[in-house]
Amino acid sequence: MPFEMTVYMLRCSDGSYYVGSTKQEIEARVWEHNNLPLDGYTARRRPVSLVFTETYDRITDAIARERQLKGWSRRKKEALIALAYERLPELSRRGHLLPGAE
């Protein structure tokens, strides 16, 4: 069986997003975020729900993607979740205008 690493994004109960990566089955990892007595970002923001995943064959690629997504704005993450890939370049520009801004 080939190695797989999943990069995932969770929506937390407070509306924020959490980005992580795992080698285990994604359903098991989401269960852990919701149920295990761990300290951490999601423990204080339960329940969480899975909103996005990508699978990688190489751990280095998965870690690089996780770091990239963690640096993205909320709007850019939401465009990715919506699979609105055409919006990603405009949201990458520094200082882009918000809708309705002049």
N, C-alpha and C. Protein backbone atom coordinates (compact mmCIF):
# COMPACT_ATOMS: atom_id res chain seq x y z
N MET A 1 0.85 -1.19 0.00
CA MET A 1 0.00 0.00 0.00
C MET A 1 0.88 1.24 0.00
N PRO A 2 0.63 2.19 -0.89
CA PRO A 2 1.47 3.39 -0.95
C PRO A 2 1.23 4.29 0.27
N PHE A 3 2.25 5.03 0.62
CA PHE A 3 2.18 5.99 1.73
C PHE A 3 1.25 7.13 1.34
N GLU A 4 0.41 7.55 2.25
CA GLU A 4 -0.44 8.71 2.02
C GLU A 4 -0.43 9.61 3.24
N MET A 5 -0.39 10.88 2.97
CA MET A 5 -0.46 11.91 4.00
C MET A 5 -1.61 12.83 3.61
N THR A 6 -2.48 13.14 4.54
CA THR A 6 -3.62 14.00 4.27
C THR A 6 -3.43 15.35 4.93
N VAL A 7 -3.58 16.41 4.16
CA VAL A 7 -3.65 17.77 4.67
C VAL A 7 -5.14 18.09 4.76
N TYR A 8 -5.56 18.63 5.90
CA TYR A 8 -6.99 18.84 6.11
C TYR A 8 -7.26 20.19 6.76
N MET A 9 -8.50 20.64 6.58
CA MET A 9 -8.95 21.87 7.21
C MET A 9 -10.25 21.59 7.94
N LEU A 10 -10.31 22.06 9.17
CA LEU A 10 -11.50 21.91 10.01
C LEU A 10 -12.14 23.28 10.23
N ARG A 11 -13.46 23.32 10.27
CA ARG A 11 -14.16 24.52 10.71
C ARG A 11 -14.52 24.28 12.17
N CYS A 12 -14.13 25.23 13.00
CA CYS A 12 -14.36 25.11 14.44
C CYS A 12 -15.70 25.76 14.81
N SER A 13 -16.17 25.47 16.01
CA SER A 13 -17.48 25.97 16.46
C SER A 13 -17.53 27.49 16.52
N ASP A 14 -16.38 28.14 16.67
CA ASP A 14 -16.36 29.61 16.70
C ASP A 14 -16.20 30.22 15.31
N GLY A 15 -16.21 29.37 14.27
CA GLY A 15 -16.11 29.86 12.90
C GLY A 15 -14.69 29.96 12.38
N SER A 16 -13.71 29.72 13.22
CA SER A 16 -12.32 29.77 12.77
C SER A 16 -11.96 28.47 12.05
N TYR A 17 -10.79 28.47 11.43
CA TYR A 17 -10.32 27.29 10.70
C TYR A 17 -9.04 26.77 11.32
N TYR A 18 -8.91 25.45 11.29
CA TYR A 18 -7.69 24.78 11.75
C TYR A 18 -7.16 23.97 10.58
N VAL A 19 -5.85 24.09 10.31
CA VAL A 19 -5.20 23.32 9.25
C VAL A 19 -4.22 22.36 9.90
N GLY A 20 -4.26 21.10 9.46
CA GLY A 20 -3.35 20.09 9.99
C GLY A 20 -3.02 19.06 8.93
N SER A 21 -2.20 18.10 9.32
CA SER A 21 -1.88 16.98 8.43
C SER A 21 -1.76 15.72 9.27
N THR A 22 -2.02 14.58 8.63
CA THR A 22 -2.00 13.32 9.35
C THR A 22 -1.68 12.17 8.42
N LYS A 23 -1.10 11.11 9.00
CA LYS A 23 -0.87 9.87 8.27
C LYS A 23 -2.01 8.89 8.50
N GLN A 24 -2.82 9.14 9.52
CA GLN A 24 -3.90 8.21 9.84
C GLN A 24 -5.15 8.52 9.02
N GLU A 25 -6.14 7.65 9.11
CA GLU A 25 -7.41 7.88 8.41
C GLU A 25 -8.00 9.21 8.89
N ILE A 26 -8.48 10.01 7.96
CA ILE A 26 -8.95 11.35 8.30
C ILE A 26 -10.15 11.31 9.25
N GLU A 27 -11.03 10.34 9.09
CA GLU A 27 -12.19 10.26 9.99
C GLU A 27 -11.74 10.04 11.44
N ALA A 28 -10.72 9.22 11.62
CA ALA A 28 -10.19 8.96 12.96
C ALA A 28 -9.56 10.22 13.54
N ARG A 29 -8.87 10.97 12.70
CA ARG A 29 -8.21 12.19 13.18
C ARG A 29 -9.24 13.24 13.59
N VAL A 30 -10.29 13.39 12.80
CA VAL A 30 -11.35 14.35 13.15
C VAL A 30 -12.02 13.92 14.46
N TRP A 31 -12.25 12.62 14.62
CA TRP A 31 -12.82 12.11 15.87
C TRP A 31 -11.93 12.50 17.04
N GLU A 32 -10.62 12.35 16.89
CA GLU A 32 -9.69 12.73 17.96
C GLU A 32 -9.81 14.21 18.30
N HIS A 33 -9.90 15.06 17.28
CA HIS A 33 -10.05 16.50 17.53
C HIS A 33 -11.31 16.78 18.35
N ASN A 34 -12.36 16.03 18.11
CA ASN A 34 -13.63 16.26 18.79
C ASN A 34 -13.76 15.58 20.14
N ASN A 35 -12.98 14.53 20.40
CA ASN A 35 -13.25 13.69 21.57
C ASN A 35 -12.11 13.49 22.55
N LEU A 36 -10.87 13.55 22.11
CA LEU A 36 -9.77 13.26 23.04
C LEU A 36 -9.52 14.43 23.98
N PRO A 37 -9.14 14.14 25.20
CA PRO A 37 -8.87 15.20 26.18
C PRO A 37 -7.48 15.80 25.98
N LEU A 38 -7.30 16.50 24.87
CA LEU A 38 -6.01 17.12 24.56
C LEU A 38 -6.11 18.63 24.68
N ASP A 39 -5.02 19.25 25.07
CA ASP A 39 -4.95 20.70 25.02
C ASP A 39 -4.56 21.09 23.61
N GLY A 40 -5.10 22.16 23.14
CA GLY A 40 -4.75 22.61 21.81
C GLY A 40 -5.85 23.49 21.25
N TYR A 41 -5.61 23.97 20.06
CA TYR A 41 -6.52 24.93 19.43
C TYR A 41 -7.94 24.39 19.31
N THR A 42 -8.09 23.19 18.78
CA THR A 42 -9.45 22.67 18.54
C THR A 42 -10.15 22.23 19.82
N ALA A 43 -9.41 21.89 20.85
CA ALA A 43 -10.03 21.44 22.11
C ALA A 43 -10.92 22.52 22.71
N ARG A 44 -10.57 23.77 22.49
CA ARG A 44 -11.34 24.90 23.02
C ARG A 44 -12.41 25.39 22.04
N ARG A 45 -12.52 24.72 20.89
CA ARG A 45 -13.43 25.19 19.84
C ARG A 45 -14.27 24.05 19.25
N ARG A 46 -14.65 23.12 20.09
CA ARG A 46 -15.43 21.96 19.64
C ARG A 46 -16.91 22.31 19.56
N PRO A 47 -17.65 21.63 18.71
CA PRO A 47 -17.20 20.59 17.79
C PRO A 47 -16.55 21.19 16.55
N VAL A 48 -15.76 20.37 15.89
CA VAL A 48 -15.14 20.76 14.63
C VAL A 48 -15.71 19.88 13.52
N SER A 49 -15.69 20.41 12.30
CA SER A 49 -16.16 19.62 11.16
C SER A 49 -15.14 19.72 10.03
N LEU A 50 -14.99 18.63 9.32
CA LEU A 50 -14.04 18.56 8.21
C LEU A 50 -14.62 19.29 7.01
N VAL A 51 -13.84 20.24 6.45
CA VAL A 51 -14.33 21.01 5.31
C VAL A 51 -13.45 20.89 4.07
N PHE A 52 -12.24 20.33 4.21
CA PHE A 52 -11.35 20.24 3.05
C PHE A 52 -10.25 19.22 3.31
N THR A 53 -9.90 18.45 2.27
CA THR A 53 -8.76 17.53 2.35
C THR A 53 -8.01 17.50 1.03
N GLU A 54 -6.72 17.23 1.12
CA GLU A 54 -5.86 16.93 -0.02
C GLU A 54 -4.95 15.80 0.41
N THR A 55 -4.65 14.89 -0.50
CA THR A 55 -3.81 13.74 -0.19
C THR A 55 -2.50 13.84 -0.96
N TYR A 56 -1.41 13.50 -0.27
CA TYR A 56 -0.07 13.57 -0.85
C TYR A 56 0.65 12.24 -0.66
N ASP A 57 1.51 11.92 -1.61
CA ASP A 57 2.33 10.71 -1.54
C ASP A 57 3.63 10.94 -0.77
N ARG A 58 4.03 12.20 -0.68
CA ARG A 58 5.30 12.52 -0.01
C ARG A 58 5.04 13.41 1.20
N ILE A 59 5.63 13.05 2.32
CA ILE A 59 5.43 13.80 3.55
C ILE A 59 5.94 15.24 3.41
N THR A 60 7.03 15.43 2.68
CA THR A 60 7.57 16.79 2.51
C THR A 60 6.58 17.68 1.76
N ASP A 61 5.89 17.13 0.77
CA ASP A 61 4.88 17.91 0.04
C ASP A 61 3.71 18.26 0.94
N ALA A 62 3.28 17.31 1.75
CA ALA A 62 2.15 17.56 2.65
C ALA A 62 2.49 18.63 3.69
N ILE A 63 3.68 18.55 4.25
CA ILE A 63 4.09 19.54 5.26
C ILE A 63 4.20 20.92 4.63
N ALA A 64 4.74 20.98 3.42
CA ALA A 64 4.85 22.28 2.73
C ALA A 64 3.46 22.86 2.47
N ARG A 65 2.52 22.03 2.05
CA ARG A 65 1.16 22.51 1.78
C ARG A 65 0.47 22.94 3.07
N GLU A 66 0.65 22.19 4.14
CA GLU A 66 0.07 22.58 5.43
C GLU A 66 0.58 23.95 5.84
N ARG A 67 1.87 24.17 5.75
CA ARG A 67 2.44 25.48 6.11
C ARG A 67 1.89 26.58 5.22
N GLN A 68 1.75 26.29 3.92
CA GLN A 68 1.22 27.28 3.00
C GLN A 68 -0.20 27.67 3.40
N LEU A 69 -1.05 26.68 3.63
CA LEU A 69 -2.44 26.97 3.98
C LEU A 69 -2.57 27.71 5.30
N LYS A 70 -1.70 27.40 6.25
CA LYS A 70 -1.74 28.09 7.54
C LYS A 70 -1.45 29.58 7.38
N GLY A 71 -0.73 29.96 6.34
CA GLY A 71 -0.41 31.36 6.10
C GLY A 71 -1.46 32.11 5.30
N TRP A 72 -2.46 31.41 4.83
CA TRP A 72 -3.49 32.04 4.00
C TRP A 72 -4.50 32.80 4.85
N SER A 73 -5.10 33.81 4.23
CA SER A 73 -6.17 34.57 4.88
C SER A 73 -7.43 33.70 4.98
N ARG A 74 -8.32 34.14 5.82
CA ARG A 74 -9.61 33.46 5.96
C ARG A 74 -10.34 33.40 4.62
N ARG A 75 -10.35 34.51 3.89
CA ARG A 75 -11.05 34.57 2.60
C ARG A 75 -10.45 33.60 1.60
N LYS A 76 -9.14 33.49 1.60
CA LYS A 76 -8.49 32.57 0.67
C LYS A 76 -8.79 31.12 1.04
N LYS A 77 -8.79 30.81 2.34
CA LYS A 77 -9.16 29.46 2.78
C LYS A 77 -10.59 29.14 2.37
N GLU A 78 -11.49 30.09 2.51
CA GLU A 78 -12.88 29.85 2.15
C GLU A 78 -13.05 29.66 0.65
N ALA A 79 -12.25 30.35 -0.16
CA ALA A 79 -12.29 30.13 -1.61
C ALA A 79 -11.82 28.72 -1.93
N LEU A 80 -10.79 28.25 -1.25
CA LEU A 80 -10.30 26.89 -1.47
C LEU A 80 -11.35 25.86 -1.06
N ILE A 81 -11.98 26.06 0.09
CA ILE A 81 -13.03 25.16 0.55
C ILE A 81 -14.16 25.08 -0.48
N ALA A 82 -14.50 26.22 -1.08
CA ALA A 82 -15.57 26.29 -2.08
C ALA A 82 -15.10 25.81 -3.45
N LEU A 83 -13.83 25.41 -3.54
CA LEU A 83 -13.22 24.98 -4.81
C LEU A 83 -13.26 26.08 -5.86
N ALA A 84 -13.22 27.33 -5.40
CA ALA A 84 -13.21 28.49 -6.29
C ALA A 84 -11.77 28.85 -6.63
N TYR A 85 -11.10 27.94 -7.34
CA TYR A 85 -9.68 28.09 -7.64
C TYR A 85 -9.38 29.37 -8.41
N GLU A 86 -10.33 29.82 -9.24
CA GLU A 86 -10.11 31.03 -10.03
C GLU A 86 -9.96 32.27 -9.15
N ARG A 87 -10.45 32.23 -7.92
CA ARG A 87 -10.35 33.38 -7.02
C ARG A 87 -9.02 33.43 -6.27
N LEU A 88 -8.30 32.32 -6.22
CA LEU A 88 -7.07 32.26 -5.42
C LEU A 88 -6.04 33.30 -5.84
N PRO A 89 -5.78 33.51 -7.15
CA PRO A 89 -4.78 34.52 -7.52
C PRO A 89 -5.13 35.92 -7.03
N GLU A 90 -6.39 36.32 -7.17
CA GLU A 90 -6.77 37.66 -6.72
C GLU A 90 -6.64 37.80 -5.20
N LEU A 91 -6.90 36.73 -4.48
CA LEU A 91 -6.79 36.77 -3.02
C LEU A 91 -5.34 36.65 -2.56
N SER A 92 -4.44 36.35 -3.48
CA SER A 92 -3.02 36.26 -3.14
C SER A 92 -2.34 37.61 -3.18
N ARG A 93 -2.93 38.55 -3.88
CA ARG A 93 -2.31 39.87 -3.99
C ARG A 93 -2.42 40.62 -2.68
N ARG A 94 -1.32 41.16 -2.25
CA ARG A 94 -1.33 41.96 -1.02
C ARG A 94 -2.13 43.24 -1.27
N GLY A 95 -2.94 43.57 -0.29
CA GLY A 95 -3.70 44.82 -0.37
C GLY A 95 -4.89 44.75 -1.31
N HIS A 96 -5.39 43.55 -1.61
CA HIS A 96 -6.56 43.48 -2.49
C HIS A 96 -7.74 44.15 -1.82
N LEU A 97 -8.62 44.69 -2.64
CA LEU A 97 -9.77 45.41 -2.11
C LEU A 97 -10.86 44.44 -1.70
N LEU A 98 -11.52 44.76 -0.62
CA LEU A 98 -12.68 43.99 -0.19
C LEU A 98 -13.87 44.37 -1.06
N PRO A 99 -14.85 43.50 -1.21
CA PRO A 99 -16.04 43.85 -1.99
C PRO A 99 -16.66 45.13 -1.46
N GLY A 100 -16.98 46.04 -2.37
CA GLY A 100 -17.59 47.30 -1.98
C GLY A 100 -16.60 48.38 -1.61
N ALA A 101 -15.31 48.03 -1.53
CA ALA A 101 -14.29 49.04 -1.20
C ALA A 101 -13.94 49.83 -2.46
N GLU A 102 -13.51 51.05 -2.27
CA GLU A 102 -13.12 51.89 -3.41
C GLU A 102 -11.64 52.08 -3.46
